[in-house]
PDB file of N, CA and C in Angstrom:
ATOM      1  N   UNK A   1     144.438  56.657 233.119  1.00  0.00           N
ATOM      2  CA  UNK A   1     143.051  55.837 233.524  1.00  0.00           C
ATOM      3  C   UNK A   1     143.487  54.376 233.586  1.00  0.00           C
ATOM      4  N   UNK A   2     143.080  53.794 234.947  1.00  0.00           N
ATOM      5  CA  UNK A   2     143.286  52.713 235.076  1.00  0.00           C
ATOM      6  C   UNK A   2     142.079  51.765 234.845  1.00  0.00           C
ATOM      7  N   UNK A   3     142.539  50.623 234.571  1.00  0.00           N
ATOM      8  CA  UNK A   3     141.033  49.594 234.121  1.00  0.00           C
ATOM      9  C   UNK A   3     140.639  48.775 235.320  1.00  0.00           C
ATOM     10  N   UNK A   4     139.395  48.774 235.271  1.00  0.00           N
ATOM     11  CA  UNK A   4     138.746  47.667 236.536  1.00  0.00           C
ATOM     12  C   UNK A   4     139.237  46.630 236.673  1.00  0.00           C
ATOM     13  N   UNK A   5     139.532  46.054 237.635  1.00  0.00           N
ATOM     14  CA  UNK A   5     140.145  45.077 238.066  1.00  0.00           C
ATOM     15  C   UNK A   5     139.759  43.814 237.294  1.00  0.00           C
ATOM     16  N   UNK A   6     138.289  43.629 237.499  1.00  0.00           N
ATOM     17  CA  UNK A   6     137.647  42.619 236.581  1.00  0.00           C
ATOM     18  C   UNK A   6     137.833  42.426 235.250  1.00  0.00           C
ATOM     19  N   UNK A   7     137.938  43.754 234.577  1.00  0.00           N
ATOM     20  CA  UNK A   7     138.165  43.688 233.115  1.00  0.00           C
ATOM     21  C   UNK A   7     139.624  43.285 232.777  1.00  0.00           C
ATOM     22  N   UNK A   8     140.780  43.771 233.606  1.00  0.00           N
ATOM     23  CA  UNK A   8     142.076  43.420 233.608  1.00  0.00           C
ATOM     24  C   UNK A   8     142.067  42.033 233.732  1.00  0.00           C
ATOM     25  N   UNK A   9     141.572  41.337 234.689  1.00  0.00           N
ATOM     26  CA  UNK A   9     141.514  40.058 235.162  1.00  0.00           C
ATOM     27  C   UNK A   9     141.201  39.286 233.600  1.00  0.00           C
ATOM     28  N   UNK A  10     139.738  39.471 233.014  1.00  0.00           N
ATOM     29  CA  UNK A  10     139.120  38.795 232.016  1.00  0.00           C
ATOM     30  C   UNK A  10     140.342  38.971 230.697  1.00  0.00           C
ATOM     31  N   UNK A  11     140.980  40.202 230.458  1.00  0.00           N
ATOM     32  CA  UNK A  11     141.721  40.386 229.285  1.00  0.00           C
ATOM     33  C   UNK A  11     142.845  39.296 229.587  1.00  0.00           C
ATOM     34  N   UNK A  12     143.472  39.252 230.606  1.00  0.00           N
ATOM     35  CA  UNK A  12     144.594  38.597 231.164  1.00  0.00           C
ATOM     36  C   UNK A  12     144.256  37.110 230.989  1.00  0.00           C
ATOM     37  N   UNK A  13     143.245  36.591 231.315  1.00  0.00           N
ATOM     38  CA  UNK A  13     142.879  35.331 231.003  1.00  0.00           C
ATOM     39  C   UNK A  13     142.718  34.797 229.394  1.00  0.00           C
ATOM     40  N   UNK A  14     142.019  35.764 228.814  1.00  0.00           N
ATOM     41  CA  UNK A  14     141.644  35.803 227.228  1.00  0.00           C
ATOM     42  C   UNK A  14     143.282  35.838 226.655  1.00  0.00           C
ATOM     43  N   UNK A  15     144.198  36.325 227.234  1.00  0.00           N
ATOM     44  CA  UNK A  15     145.618  36.357 226.568  1.00  0.00           C
ATOM     45  C   UNK A  15     146.186  35.369 226.678  1.00  0.00           C
ATOM     46  N   UNK A  16     145.975  34.537 227.948  1.00  0.00           N
ATOM     47  CA  UNK A  16     146.341  33.352 228.457  1.00  0.00           C
ATOM     48  C   UNK A  16     146.043  32.306 227.302  1.00  0.00           C
ATOM     49  N   UNK A  17     144.838  32.315 227.440  1.00  0.00           N
ATOM     50  CA  UNK A  17     143.858  31.005 226.434  1.00  0.00           C
ATOM     51  C   UNK A  17     144.293  31.110 225.397  1.00  0.00           C
ATOM     52  N   UNK A  18     144.465  32.351 224.298  1.00  0.00           N
ATOM     53  CA  UNK A  18     145.209  32.800 223.106  1.00  0.00           C
ATOM     54  C   UNK A  18     146.635  32.041 222.978  1.00  0.00           C
ATOM     55  N   UNK A  19     147.205  32.554 224.053  1.00  0.00           N
ATOM     56  CA  UNK A  19     148.784  31.918 223.945  1.00  0.00           C
ATOM     57  C   UNK A  19     148.967  30.274 223.723  1.00  0.00           C
ATOM     58  N   UNK A  20     148.008  29.788 224.952  1.00  0.00           N
ATOM     59  CA  UNK A  20     148.017  28.440 224.781  1.00  0.00           C
ATOM     60  C   UNK A  20     147.503  27.765 223.701  1.00  0.00           C
ATOM     61  N   UNK A  21     146.465  28.115 223.220  1.00  0.00           N
ATOM     62  CA  UNK A  21     145.673  27.577 221.792  1.00  0.00           C
ATOM     63  C   UNK A  21     146.944  27.686 220.755  1.00  0.00           C
ATOM     64  N   UNK A  22     147.405  28.807 220.603  1.00  0.00           N
ATOM     65  CA  UNK A  22     148.411  28.840 219.518  1.00  0.00           C
ATOM     66  C   UNK A  22     149.660  28.069 219.858  1.00  0.00           C
ATOM     67  N   UNK A  23     150.054  27.890 220.729  1.00  0.00           N
ATOM     68  CA  UNK A  23     151.293  27.037 221.123  1.00  0.00           C
ATOM     69  C   UNK A  23     150.672  25.558 221.284  1.00  0.00           C
ATOM     70  N   UNK A  24     149.604  25.134 221.093  1.00  0.00           N
ATOM     71  CA  UNK A  24     149.316  23.989 221.123  1.00  0.00           C
ATOM     72  C   UNK A  24     149.054  23.462 219.501  1.00  0.00           C
ATOM     73  N   UNK A  25     148.369  24.173 218.909  1.00  0.00           N
ATOM     74  CA  UNK A  25     148.031  24.540 217.498  1.00  0.00           C
ATOM     75  C   UNK A  25     149.258  24.224 216.781  1.00  0.00           C
ATOM     76  N   UNK A  26     150.339  25.535 216.813  1.00  0.00           N
ATOM     77  CA  UNK A  26     151.360  25.224 216.088  1.00  0.00           C
ATOM     78  C   UNK A  26     152.538  23.824 216.534  1.00  0.00           C
ATOM     79  N   UNK A  27     152.255  23.764 217.321  1.00  0.00           N
ATOM     80  CA  UNK A  27     153.275  22.466 218.048  1.00  0.00           C
ATOM     81  C   UNK A  27     152.635  21.113 217.459  1.00  0.00           C
ATOM     82  N   UNK A  28     151.375  21.084 217.220  1.00  0.00           N
ATOM     83  CA  UNK A  28     150.610  20.211 216.588  1.00  0.00           C
ATOM     84  C   UNK A  28     150.922  19.907 215.110  1.00  0.00           C
ATOM     85  N   UNK A  29     150.887  21.005 214.329  1.00  0.00           N
ATOM     86  CA  UNK A  29     151.050  21.271 213.035  1.00  0.00           C
ATOM     87  C   UNK A  29     152.692  20.825 212.865  1.00  0.00           C
ATOM     88  N   UNK A  30     153.323  21.379 213.585  1.00  0.00           N
ATOM     89  CA  UNK A  30     154.700  21.287 213.486  1.00  0.00           C
ATOM     90  C   UNK A  30     155.233  19.590 213.763  1.00  0.00           C
ATOM     91  N   UNK A  31     154.609  19.201 214.484  1.00  0.00           N
ATOM     92  CA  UNK A  31     155.358  17.743 215.080  1.00  0.00           C
ATOM     93  C   UNK A  31     154.285  16.699 214.742  1.00  0.00           C
ATOM     94  N   UNK A  32     152.733  16.656 214.613  1.00  0.00           N
ATOM     95  CA  UNK A  32     152.170  15.857 214.156  1.00  0.00           C
ATOM     96  C   UNK A  32     151.844  15.796 212.835  1.00  0.00           C
ATOM     97  N   UNK A  33     152.291  17.035 212.030  1.00  0.00           N
ATOM     98  CA  UNK A  33     151.364  17.083 210.986  1.00  0.00           C
ATOM     99  C   UNK A  33     151.559  15.957 209.710  1.00  0.00           C
ATOM    100  N   UNK A  34     152.781  15.258 209.772  1.00  0.00           N
ATOM    101  CA  UNK A  34     153.041  14.298 208.942  1.00  0.00           C
ATOM    102  C   UNK A  34     151.800  13.248 208.811  1.00  0.00           C
ATOM    103  N   UNK A  35     151.800  12.399 210.200  1.00  0.00           N
ATOM    104  CA  UNK A  35     150.763  11.351 210.308  1.00  0.00           C
ATOM    105  C   UNK A  35     149.590  11.872 209.897  1.00  0.00           C
ATOM    106  N   UNK A  36     149.302  12.445 210.594  1.00  0.00           N
ATOM    107  CA  UNK A  36     147.828  13.160 210.040  1.00  0.00           C
ATOM    108  C   UNK A  36     147.286  13.553 208.649  1.00  0.00           C
ATOM    109  N   UNK A  37     148.511  14.291 208.181  1.00  0.00           N
ATOM    110  CA  UNK A  37     148.319  14.719 206.738  1.00  0.00           C
ATOM    111  C   UNK A  37     148.446  13.734 205.691  1.00  0.00           C
ATOM    112  N   UNK A  38     149.471  12.938 205.837  1.00  0.00           N
ATOM    113  CA  UNK A  38     149.969  11.598 205.220  1.00  0.00           C
ATOM    114  C   UNK A  38     148.502  10.734 205.054  1.00  0.00           C
ATOM    115  N   UNK A  39     147.925  10.552 206.358  1.00  0.00           N
ATOM    116  CA  UNK A  39     146.829   9.474 206.409  1.00  0.00           C
ATOM    117  C   UNK A  39     145.512  10.214 205.433  1.00  0.00           C
ATOM    118  N   UNK A  40     145.386  11.333 205.720  1.00  0.00           N
ATOM    119  CA  UNK A  40     144.084  12.026 204.918  1.00  0.00           C
ATOM    120  C   UNK A  40     144.514  11.867 203.766  1.00  0.00           C
ATOM    121  N   UNK A  41     145.307  12.237 202.853  1.00  0.00           N
ATOM    122  CA  UNK A  41     145.813  12.356 201.572  1.00  0.00           C
ATOM    123  C   UNK A  41     145.627  10.959 201.008  1.00  0.00           C
ATOM    124  N   UNK A  42     146.159  10.096 201.851  1.00  0.00           N
ATOM    125  CA  UNK A  42     146.084   8.534 201.306  1.00  0.00           C
ATOM    126  C   UNK A  42     145.065   7.865 201.118  1.00  0.00           C
ATOM    127  N   UNK A  43     143.606   8.504 201.506  1.00  0.00           N
ATOM    128  CA  UNK A  43     142.450   8.152 201.532  1.00  0.00           C
ATOM    129  C   UNK A  43     141.799   8.522 200.357  1.00  0.00           C
ATOM    130  N   UNK A  44     142.047   9.795 199.915  1.00  0.00           N
ATOM    131  CA  UNK A  44     141.442  10.470 198.696  1.00  0.00           C
ATOM    132  C   UNK A  44     141.910   9.952 197.195  1.00  0.00           C
ATOM    133  N   UNK A  45     140.977  10.036 196.485  1.00  0.00           N
ATOM    134  CA  UNK A  45     141.371   9.155 195.129  1.00  0.00           C
ATOM    135  C   UNK A  45     141.940  10.631 194.295  1.00  0.00           C
ATOM    136  N   UNK A  46     142.566   9.951 193.010  1.00  0.00           N
ATOM    137  CA  UNK A  46     143.498  10.947 192.328  1.00  0.00           C
ATOM    138  C   UNK A  46     142.367  12.201 191.865  1.00  0.00           C
ATOM    139  N   UNK A  47     142.634  13.051 191.632  1.00  0.00           N
ATOM    140  CA  UNK A  47     141.821  14.405 191.135  1.00  0.00           C
ATOM    141  C   UNK A  47     142.769  15.262 190.363  1.00  0.00           C
ATOM    142  N   UNK A  48     141.717  16.096 189.906  1.00  0.00           N
ATOM    143  CA  UNK A  48     142.386  17.395 189.192  1.00  0.00           C
ATOM    144  C   UNK A  48     141.548  18.655 189.578  1.00  0.00           C
ATOM    145  N   UNK A  49     142.133  19.777 189.723  1.00  0.00           N
ATOM    146  CA  UNK A  49     141.827  21.168 190.248  1.00  0.00           C
ATOM    147  C   UNK A  49     141.335  22.396 189.047  1.00  0.00           C
ATOM    148  N   UNK A  50     140.227  22.702 188.994  1.00  0.00           N
ATOM    149  CA  UNK A  50     140.285  24.101 188.298  1.00  0.00           C
ATOM    150  C   UNK A  50     139.458  25.115 189.030  1.00  0.00           C
ATOM    151  N   UNK A  51     140.302  26.407 189.426  1.00  0.00           N
ATOM    152  CA  UNK A  51     139.381  27.318 189.885  1.00  0.00           C
ATOM    153  C   UNK A  51     139.534  28.440 189.462  1.00  0.00           C
ATOM    154  N   UNK A  52     138.256  29.075 189.313  1.00  0.00           N
ATOM    155  CA  UNK A  52     137.978  30.228 188.699  1.00  0.00           C
ATOM    156  C   UNK A  52     137.641  31.152 189.870  1.00  0.00           C
ATOM    157  N   UNK A  53     138.030  31.966 190.313  1.00  0.00           N
ATOM    158  CA  UNK A  53     137.100  32.852 191.550  1.00  0.00           C
ATOM    159  C   UNK A  53     138.134  34.080 191.610  1.00  0.00           C
ATOM    160  N   UNK A  54     137.669  35.206 192.170  1.00  0.00           N
ATOM    161  CA  UNK A  54     138.348  36.145 192.669  1.00  0.00           C
ATOM    162  C   UNK A  54     137.882  36.591 194.138  1.00  0.00           C
ATOM    163  N   UNK A  55     139.239  37.101 195.011  1.00  0.00           N
ATOM    164  CA  UNK A  55     138.770  37.727 196.070  1.00  0.00           C
ATOM    165  C   UNK A  55     138.976  39.026 195.972  1.00  0.00           C
ATOM    166  N   UNK A  56     137.645  39.995 196.387  1.00  0.00           N
ATOM    167  CA  UNK A  56     137.728  41.556 196.393  1.00  0.00           C
ATOM    168  C   UNK A  56     137.596  41.636 197.695  1.00  0.00           C
ATOM    169  N   UNK A  57     138.715  42.576 198.230  1.00  0.00           N
ATOM    170  CA  UNK A  57     138.621  43.266 199.208  1.00  0.00           C
ATOM    171  C   UNK A  57     138.304  44.567 199.262  1.00  0.00           C
ATOM    172  N   UNK A  58     137.205  44.805 200.004  1.00  0.00           N
ATOM    173  CA  UNK A  58     136.862  46.643 200.104  1.00  0.00           C
ATOM    174  C   UNK A  58     137.057  47.286 201.370  1.00  0.00           C
ATOM    175  N   UNK A  59     137.559  48.405 201.562  1.00  0.00           N
ATOM    176  CA  UNK A  59     137.119  49.036 202.876  1.00  0.00           C
ATOM    177  C   UNK A  59     137.060  50.642 202.768  1.00  0.00           C
ATOM    178  N   UNK A  60     136.498  51.255 203.647  1.00  0.00           N
ATOM    179  CA  UNK A  60     136.150  52.750 203.527  1.00  0.00           C
ATOM    180  C   UNK A  60     135.707  52.849 204.812  1.00  0.00           C
ATOM    181  N   UNK A  61     134.675  54.383 204.351  1.00  0.00           N
ATOM    182  CA  UNK A  61     133.365  54.591 205.310  1.00  0.00           C
ATOM    183  C   UNK A  61     132.233  54.879 205.044  1.00  0.00           C
ATOM    184  N   UNK A  62     131.044  54.293 205.713  1.00  0.00           N
ATOM    185  CA  UNK A  62     129.797  54.353 204.977  1.00  0.00           C
ATOM    186  C   UNK A  62     129.051  55.315 206.092  1.00  0.00           C
ATOM    187  N   UNK A  63     127.850  56.133 205.707  1.00  0.00           N
ATOM    188  CA  UNK A  63     126.836  56.903 206.477  1.00  0.00           C
ATOM    189  C   UNK A  63     125.447  56.201 206.183  1.00  0.00           C
ATOM    190  N   UNK A  64     124.595  56.166 207.262  1.00  0.00           N
ATOM    191  CA  UNK A  64     123.473  55.465 207.151  1.00  0.00           C
ATOM    192  C   UNK A  64     122.757  56.459 207.571  1.00  0.00           C
ATOM    193  N   UNK A  65     121.582  57.359 206.762  1.00  0.00           N
ATOM    194  CA  UNK A  65     120.719  58.109 206.913  1.00  0.00           C
ATOM    195  C   UNK A  65     121.043  59.557 207.592  1.00  0.00           C
ATOM    196  N   UNK A  66     122.466  60.128 207.263  1.00  0.00           N
ATOM    197  CA  UNK A  66     122.954  60.878 207.916  1.00  0.00           C
ATOM    198  C   UNK A  66     123.489  60.879 209.096  1.00  0.00           C
ATOM    199  N   UNK A  67     123.661  59.808 209.795  1.00  0.00           N
ATOM    200  CA  UNK A  67     124.302  59.443 210.794  1.00  0.00           C
ATOM    201  C   UNK A  67     125.733  59.410 210.700  1.00  0.00           C
ATOM    202  N   UNK A  68     126.519  59.569 211.941  1.00  0.00           N
ATOM    203  CA  UNK A  68     127.745  59.657 211.666  1.00  0.00           C
ATOM    204  C   UNK A  68     128.554  58.544 210.784  1.00  0.00           C
ATOM    205  N   UNK A  69     129.756  58.804 210.347  1.00  0.00           N
ATOM    206  CA  UNK A  69     130.385  57.703 209.433  1.00  0.00           C
ATOM    207  C   UNK A  69     130.881  56.336 210.337  1.00  0.00           C
ATOM    208  N   UNK A  70     130.756  55.421 209.484  1.00  0.00           N
ATOM    209  CA  UNK A  70     131.535  54.060 210.380  1.00  0.00           C
ATOM    210  C   UNK A  70     132.696  53.612 209.220  1.00  0.00           C
ATOM    211  N   UNK A  71     133.601  52.908 209.806  1.00  0.00           N
ATOM    212  CA  UNK A  71     134.597  52.626 209.179  1.00  0.00           C
ATOM    213  C   UNK A  71     134.147  51.002 208.740  1.00  0.00           C
ATOM    214  N   UNK A  72     134.221  50.518 207.607  1.00  0.00           N
ATOM    215  CA  UNK A  72     134.000  49.202 207.277  1.00  0.00           C
ATOM    216  C   UNK A  72     135.087  48.470 206.385  1.00  0.00           C
ATOM    217  N   UNK A  73     135.162  47.115 206.431  1.00  0.00           N
ATOM    218  CA  UNK A  73     135.713  46.414 205.409  1.00  0.00           C
ATOM    219  C   UNK A  73     134.885  45.335 204.833  1.00  0.00           C
ATOM    220  N   UNK A  74     134.798  44.958 203.535  1.00  0.00           N
ATOM    221  CA  UNK A  74     133.892  43.783 202.989  1.00  0.00           C
ATOM    222  C   UNK A  74     135.004  43.013 202.126  1.00  0.00           C
ATOM    223  N   UNK A  75     134.583  41.434 202.423  1.00  0.00           N
ATOM    224  CA  UNK A  75     135.197  40.957 201.484  1.00  0.00           C
ATOM    225  C   UNK A  75     134.258  40.059 200.459  1.00  0.00           C
ATOM    226  N   UNK A  76     134.516  39.716 199.448  1.00  0.00           N
ATOM    227  CA  UNK A  76     133.538  38.903 198.408  1.00  0.00           C
ATOM    228  C   UNK A  76     134.772  37.893 197.618  1.00  0.00           C
ATOM    229  N   UNK A  77     133.872  36.969 197.661  1.00  0.00           N
ATOM    230  CA  UNK A  77     134.633  35.635 196.834  1.00  0.00           C
ATOM    231  C   UNK A  77     133.434  35.419 195.442  1.00  0.00           C
ATOM    232  N   UNK A  78     134.195  35.968 194.741  1.00  0.00           N
ATOM    233  CA  UNK A  78     133.279  35.779 193.180  1.00  0.00           C
ATOM    234  C   UNK A  78     133.590  34.517 192.548  1.00  0.00           C
ATOM    235  N   UNK A  79     132.922  33.633 191.956  1.00  0.00           N
ATOM    236  CA  UNK A  79     132.966  32.426 191.118  1.00  0.00           C
ATOM    237  C   UNK A  79     132.165  32.655 189.719  1.00  0.00           C
ATOM    238  N   UNK A  80     132.802  32.277 189.083  1.00  0.00           N
ATOM    239  CA  UNK A  80     132.434  32.273 187.485  1.00  0.00           C
ATOM    240  C   UNK A  80     131.991  31.201 187.074  1.00  0.00           C
ATOM    241  N   UNK A  81     130.756  31.031 186.716  1.00  0.00           N
ATOM    242  CA  UNK A  81     130.029  30.028 186.330  1.00  0.00           C
ATOM    243  C   UNK A  81     129.737  30.133 184.896  1.00  0.00           C
ATOM    244  N   UNK A  82     130.097  29.246 183.846  1.00  0.00           N
ATOM    245  CA  UNK A  82     129.962  29.411 182.702  1.00  0.00           C
ATOM    246  C   UNK A  82     128.967  28.487 181.781  1.00  0.00           C
ATOM    247  N   UNK A  83     128.196  29.185 180.876  1.00  0.00           N
ATOM    248  CA  UNK A  83     127.443  28.629 180.026  1.00  0.00           C
ATOM    249  C   UNK A  83     127.631  28.521 178.567  1.00  0.00           C
ATOM    250  N   UNK A  84     126.939  28.017 177.748  1.00  0.00           N
ATOM    251  CA  UNK A  84     127.445  27.487 176.477  1.00  0.00           C
ATOM    252  C   UNK A  84     127.627  29.203 175.912  1.00  0.00           C
ATOM    253  N   UNK A  85     126.582  30.176 176.329  1.00  0.00           N
ATOM    254  CA  UNK A  85     126.934  31.629 175.686  1.00  0.00           C
ATOM    255  C   UNK A  85     127.502  32.578 176.630  1.00  0.00           C
ATOM    256  N   UNK A  86     127.590  32.479 177.899  1.00  0.00           N
ATOM    257  CA  UNK A  86     128.337  33.443 178.693  1.00  0.00           C
ATOM    258  C   UNK A  86     128.864  32.944 179.743  1.00  0.00           C
ATOM    259  N   UNK A  87     129.426  33.878 180.655  1.00  0.00           N
ATOM    260  CA  UNK A  87     130.084  33.453 182.003  1.00  0.00           C
ATOM    261  C   UNK A  87     129.276  34.515 182.713  1.00  0.00           C
ATOM    262  N   UNK A  88     128.909  33.806 183.874  1.00  0.00           N
ATOM    263  CA  UNK A  88     128.049  34.780 185.156  1.00  0.00           C
ATOM    264  C   UNK A  88     128.887  34.683 186.253  1.00  0.00           C
ATOM    265  N   UNK A  89     129.066  35.923 186.589  1.00  0.00           N
ATOM    266  CA  UNK A  89     129.694  35.899 188.161  1.00  0.00           C
ATOM    267  C   UNK A  89     128.809  35.982 189.225  1.00  0.00           C
ATOM    268  N   UNK A  90     128.954  35.034 190.337  1.00  0.00           N
ATOM    269  CA  UNK A  90     128.241  34.910 191.176  1.00  0.00           C
ATOM    270  C   UNK A  90     128.584  35.205 192.961  1.00  0.00           C
ATOM    271  N   UNK A  91     128.510  35.835 193.627  1.00  0.00           N
ATOM    272  CA  UNK A  91     128.952  35.662 194.860  1.00  0.00           C
ATOM    273  C   UNK A  91     128.733  34.783 195.524  1.00  0.00           C
ATOM    274  N   UNK A  92     130.092  33.908 196.015  1.00  0.00           N
ATOM    275  CA  UNK A  92     130.028  32.719 196.858  1.00  0.00           C
ATOM    276  C   UNK A  92     130.010  32.963 198.325  1.00  0.00           C
ATOM    277  N   UNK A  93     130.678  34.216 198.385  1.00  0.00           N
ATOM    278  CA  UNK A  93     130.787  34.474 199.997  1.00  0.00           C
ATOM    279  C   UNK A  93     130.779  35.968 200.194  1.00  0.00           C
ATOM    280  N   UNK A  94     130.263  36.620 201.321  1.00  0.00           N
ATOM    281  CA  UNK A  94     130.259  37.999 201.384  1.00  0.00           C
ATOM    282  C   UNK A  94     130.436  38.139 203.250  1.00  0.00           C
ATOM    283  N   UNK A  95     131.500  38.822 203.304  1.00  0.00           N
ATOM    284  CA  UNK A  95     131.497  39.330 204.704  1.00  0.00           C
ATOM    285  C   UNK A  95     131.846  40.719 204.925  1.00  0.00           C
ATOM    286  N   UNK A  96     130.844  41.156 205.874  1.00  0.00           N
ATOM    287  CA  UNK A  96     131.029  42.821 206.003  1.00  0.00           C
ATOM    288  C   UNK A  96     131.254  42.782 207.264  1.00  0.00           C
ATOM    289  N   UNK A  97     132.332  43.757 207.857  1.00  0.00           N
ATOM    290  CA  UNK A  97     132.310  44.142 208.956  1.00  0.00           C
ATOM    291  C   UNK A  97     132.721  45.663 209.694  1.00  0.00           C
ATOM    292  N   UNK A  98     131.988  46.026 210.360  1.00  0.00           N
ATOM    293  CA  UNK A  98     132.667  47.578 211.005  1.00  0.00           C
ATOM    294  C   UNK A  98     133.704  47.364 211.592  1.00  0.00           C
ATOM    295  N   UNK A  99     134.534  48.376 211.785  1.00  0.00           N
ATOM    296  CA  UNK A  99     135.749  48.720 211.935  1.00  0.00           C
ATOM    297  C   UNK A  99     135.919  49.612 213.413  1.00  0.00           C
ATOM    298  N   UNK A 100     134.792  49.910 213.793  1.00  0.00           N
ATOM    299  CA  UNK A 100     134.914  51.114 214.800  1.00  0.00           C
ATOM    300  C   UNK A 100     134.991  50.407 216.012  1.00  0.00           C
ATOM    301  N   UNK A 101     135.928  51.073 216.637  1.00  0.00           N
ATOM    302  CA  UNK A 101     136.480  50.209 217.876  1.00  0.00           C
ATOM    303  C   UNK A 101     135.703  50.825 218.952  1.00  0.00           C
ATOM    304  N   UNK A 102     135.139  52.063 218.963  1.00  0.00           N
ATOM    305  CA  UNK A 102     134.288  52.394 220.157  1.00  0.00           C
ATOM    306  C   UNK A 102     133.137  53.325 219.518  1.00  0.00           C
ATOM    307  N   UNK A 103     131.858  52.930 220.335  1.00  0.00           N
ATOM    308  CA  UNK A 103     130.713  54.088 219.877  1.00  0.00           C
ATOM    309  C   UNK A 103     130.747  55.001 220.561  1.00  0.00           C
ATOM    310  N   UNK A 104     130.179  55.788 219.742  1.00  0.00           N
ATOM    311  CA  UNK A 104     129.591  57.266 220.540  1.00  0.00           C
ATOM    312  C   UNK A 104     128.264  57.501 220.272  1.00  0.00           C
TER     313      UNK A 104
END
């Protein structure tokens, strides 16, 4: 089954734009990174870092009210917040996405 000409044109344009972006991005990161990175880090004060987090990645299927099942994935970034008595885990970021490519 052949794709409609307009759709193929849009796909070709999107692929060309993506390729141009990737080429510019990686060329800049490869050839100009030293100047921008050194300038950026030289402006920062001395620091120390302590991170306490977990990235939880889930995937599977879900059904809503007996309808057909949908594939999904979900990422949670959990951070620990400590008090004098205990540690409480909180969701800092939650990204849910359906993975169904075609709807029926």
